[in-house]
Amino acid sequence: MKLVILDRDGVINHDSPHFIKSPNEWVPIAGSLEAIALLNQSGFRVALATNQSGIGRGLFDMATLNAIHDKMHRSLSQLGGRIDALFYCPHAAEAKCDCRKPKAGMLEEIGRRFGMDLKGVACVGDSLRDLQAGVACGCQPILVRTGKGEATLQAGGLPENTWICADLAEAVQRIIAEDK
């Protein structure tokens, strides 16, 4: 099985320093949905691993998060794409849970659910914590410059062998090329 793990905000959709709190605020980054559809058409399963501390902070509720994800799923399906599994951490940072990235709990759960070792699996994110969670599971870290990606790149300290791509579309092209 071929698998790719994606972060959501800043990778698939535009991010906001004030959180994405409604379906109206969820706006895809140009080319991101098409890139996911291309992954699917190329035989990859796609899992999402996203910190959603807005729930733990009381900024939005589960019904709203589900509505945001419904919009994402509908938008993807119109292009022939899909997310095969969606994992999220609803906790605020103060909760010190094991699922909130940079900890690897969410990604470990993805590996268990798909019944596979994550060594070498592409893990795409726009923040250092996304990459750190992936590296802890043996994933190939990929930083996109969208969202917080440019600031993450400027801050330095990226994991060894991190691929740097302009956006998800470029990352997907590289993932598919490396798979051949």
Protein backbone atom coordinates (compact mmCIF):
# COMPACT_ATOMS: atom_id res chain seq x y z
CA MET A 1 0.00 0.00 0.00
CA LYS A 2 1.18 3.52 -0.84
CA LEU A 3 0.28 6.19 1.71
CA VAL A 4 0.78 9.95 2.09
CA ILE A 5 0.06 11.85 5.31
CA LEU A 6 -1.00 15.49 5.02
CA ASP A 7 -1.52 18.32 7.45
CA ARG A 8 -4.66 20.37 6.70
CA ASP A 9 -4.36 24.09 7.47
CA GLY A 10 -1.64 25.74 5.39
CA VAL A 11 -1.20 22.64 3.21
CA ILE A 12 -4.64 21.92 1.74
CA ASN A 13 -6.43 25.14 2.69
CA HIS A 14 -5.42 28.68 3.55
CA ASP A 15 -4.61 29.06 7.24
CA SER A 16 -5.53 31.86 9.62
CA PRO A 17 -3.84 33.04 12.82
CA HIS A 18 -7.40 33.13 14.21
CA PHE A 19 -8.13 29.47 13.30
CA ILE A 20 -10.46 28.11 10.63
CA LYS A 21 -13.73 28.28 12.59
CA SER A 22 -16.42 27.75 9.94
CA PRO A 23 -16.94 26.12 6.56
CA ASN A 24 -16.92 29.60 4.98
CA GLU A 25 -13.39 30.18 6.31
CA TRP A 26 -12.17 26.91 4.75
CA VAL A 27 -10.75 27.95 1.37
CA PRO A 28 -8.54 25.52 -0.58
CA ILE A 29 -5.08 26.61 -1.73
CA ALA A 30 -4.97 26.71 -5.54
CA GLY A 31 -4.04 23.28 -6.90
CA SER A 32 -4.20 21.45 -3.57
CA LEU A 33 -7.40 19.51 -4.21
CA GLU A 34 -6.24 18.56 -7.69
CA ALA A 35 -2.96 17.36 -6.15
CA ILE A 36 -4.83 15.06 -3.74
CA ALA A 37 -6.91 13.70 -6.64
CA LEU A 38 -3.67 13.03 -8.54
CA LEU A 39 -2.29 11.10 -5.54
CA ASN A 40 -5.47 8.99 -5.49
CA GLN A 41 -5.27 8.37 -9.25
CA SER A 42 -1.62 7.34 -8.80
CA GLY A 43 -2.58 4.62 -6.31
CA PHE A 44 -1.88 6.46 -3.05
CA ARG A 45 -4.08 6.41 0.02
CA VAL A 46 -4.26 9.81 1.71
CA ALA A 47 -4.51 10.33 5.46
CA LEU A 48 -4.98 13.68 7.16
CA ALA A 49 -3.36 14.44 10.54
CA THR A 50 -4.38 17.85 11.86
CA ASN A 51 -4.14 19.66 15.18
CA GLN A 52 -7.51 21.31 15.84
CA SER A 53 -6.98 22.99 19.20
CA GLY A 54 -9.81 25.43 18.41
CA ILE A 55 -12.10 22.73 19.82
CA GLY A 56 -10.19 22.54 23.10
CA ARG A 57 -10.10 26.35 23.24
CA GLY A 58 -13.87 26.56 22.76
CA LEU A 59 -13.59 28.48 19.46
CA PHE A 60 -15.76 25.95 17.60
CA ASP A 61 -17.47 22.65 18.31
CA MET A 62 -17.41 19.17 16.79
CA ALA A 63 -20.44 19.88 14.59
CA THR A 64 -18.57 22.81 13.05
CA LEU A 65 -15.40 20.76 12.54
CA ASN A 66 -17.50 18.07 10.86
CA ALA A 67 -19.13 20.71 8.61
CA ILE A 68 -15.68 22.04 7.63
CA HIS A 69 -14.52 18.51 6.79
CA ASP A 70 -17.75 17.79 4.89
CA LYS A 71 -17.01 20.83 2.71
CA MET A 72 -13.47 19.56 2.13
CA HIS A 73 -14.68 16.05 1.23
CA ARG A 74 -17.36 17.41 -1.15
CA SER A 75 -14.87 19.76 -2.84
CA LEU A 76 -12.41 16.90 -3.30
CA SER A 77 -15.00 14.46 -4.63
CA GLN A 78 -15.99 16.96 -7.34
CA LEU A 79 -12.42 16.58 -8.64
CA GLY A 80 -12.29 12.80 -8.26
CA GLY A 81 -10.23 12.95 -5.06
CA ARG A 82 -10.69 11.65 -1.55
CA ILE A 83 -9.18 11.59 1.92
CA ASP A 84 -9.07 7.95 3.03
CA ALA A 85 -8.69 8.67 6.75
CA LEU A 86 -8.95 11.83 8.81
CA PHE A 87 -7.31 12.13 12.22
CA TYR A 88 -7.39 15.23 14.39
CA CYS A 89 -6.26 16.30 17.84
CA PRO A 90 -8.95 18.43 19.52
CA HIS A 91 -6.79 19.31 22.54
CA ALA A 92 -5.23 22.64 23.45
CA ALA A 93 -1.45 22.61 23.93
CA GLU A 94 -1.86 22.78 27.73
CA ALA A 95 -3.50 19.34 27.70
CA LYS A 96 -0.11 17.73 27.00
CA CYS A 97 -1.82 14.86 25.14
CA ASP A 98 0.06 12.32 23.02
CA CYS A 99 -1.90 13.06 19.84
CA ARG A 100 -1.00 16.73 19.36
CA LYS A 101 1.84 17.23 16.89
CA PRO A 102 4.85 17.43 17.35
CA LYS A 103 4.14 14.25 19.33
CA ALA A 104 3.64 11.23 17.12
CA GLY A 105 0.45 9.72 18.58
CA MET A 106 -1.80 10.70 15.67
CA LEU A 107 0.63 9.35 13.09
CA GLU A 108 1.20 6.15 15.07
CA GLU A 109 -2.57 5.65 15.04
CA ILE A 110 -2.60 6.14 11.25
CA GLY A 111 0.04 3.41 10.95
CA ARG A 112 -2.05 1.07 13.14
CA ARG A 113 -5.27 1.77 11.23
CA PHE A 114 -3.61 1.11 7.88
CA GLY A 115 -1.63 -1.83 9.30
CA MET A 116 1.71 -0.53 8.08
CA ASP A 117 5.08 0.76 9.12
CA LEU A 118 5.35 4.48 8.28
CA LYS A 119 9.05 4.30 7.38
CA GLY A 120 9.54 6.33 4.22
CA VAL A 121 5.88 7.46 4.02
CA ALA A 122 5.66 11.06 2.77
CA CYS A 123 4.48 13.42 5.50
CA VAL A 124 3.60 16.90 4.21
CA GLY A 125 3.28 19.90 6.50
CA ASP A 126 3.85 23.63 6.78
CA SER A 127 5.23 23.72 10.33
CA LEU A 128 8.16 22.20 12.17
CA ARG A 129 5.81 20.25 14.46
CA ASP A 130 4.27 18.49 11.43
CA LEU A 131 7.71 17.39 10.27
CA GLN A 132 8.84 16.37 13.76
CA ALA A 133 5.81 14.11 14.23
CA GLY A 134 6.51 12.49 10.86
CA VAL A 135 10.22 11.99 11.51
CA ALA A 136 9.42 10.34 14.87
CA CYS A 137 7.61 7.64 12.85
CA GLY A 138 10.27 7.32 10.15
CA CYS A 139 8.36 9.34 7.56
CA GLN A 140 9.91 11.39 4.75
CA PRO A 141 9.43 15.02 5.88
CA ILE A 142 8.16 17.46 3.23
CA LEU A 143 7.77 21.17 3.97
CA VAL A 144 5.51 23.25 1.77
CA ARG A 145 6.07 27.02 1.61
CA THR A 146 2.34 27.73 1.85
CA GLY A 147 0.68 28.54 5.18
CA LYS A 148 3.38 28.85 7.84
CA GLY A 149 5.90 27.10 5.57
CA GLU A 150 7.95 30.13 4.56
CA ALA A 151 8.33 31.24 8.21
CA THR A 152 9.19 27.64 9.19
CA LEU A 153 11.88 27.53 6.51
CA GLN A 154 13.34 30.88 7.63
CA ALA A 155 13.42 29.75 11.27
CA GLY A 156 15.62 26.78 10.32
CA GLY A 157 16.18 23.63 12.32
CA LEU A 158 14.39 21.39 9.83
CA PRO A 159 14.85 17.63 10.11
CA GLU A 160 17.62 16.16 7.99
CA ASN A 161 16.59 15.29 4.43
CA THR A 162 13.46 17.49 4.47
CA TRP A 163 12.16 18.12 0.97
CA ILE A 164 11.13 21.73 0.42
CA CYS A 165 8.34 22.35 -2.08
CA ALA A 166 6.44 25.46 -3.15
CA ASP A 167 3.06 23.90 -2.40
CA LEU A 168 1.18 20.61 -2.20
CA ALA A 169 1.00 20.33 -5.99
CA GLU A 170 4.81 20.39 -6.26
CA ALA A 171 5.16 17.99 -3.31
CA VAL A 172 2.78 15.52 -4.99
CA GLN A 173 4.72 15.69 -8.26
CA ARG A 174 7.89 14.79 -6.35
CA ILE A 175 6.20 12.02 -4.34
CA ILE A 176 4.89 10.42 -7.52
CA ALA A 177 8.26 10.81 -9.31
CA GLU A 178 10.12 9.20 -6.37
CA ASP A 179 7.64 6.30 -6.38
CA LYS A 180 8.58 5.24 -9.91
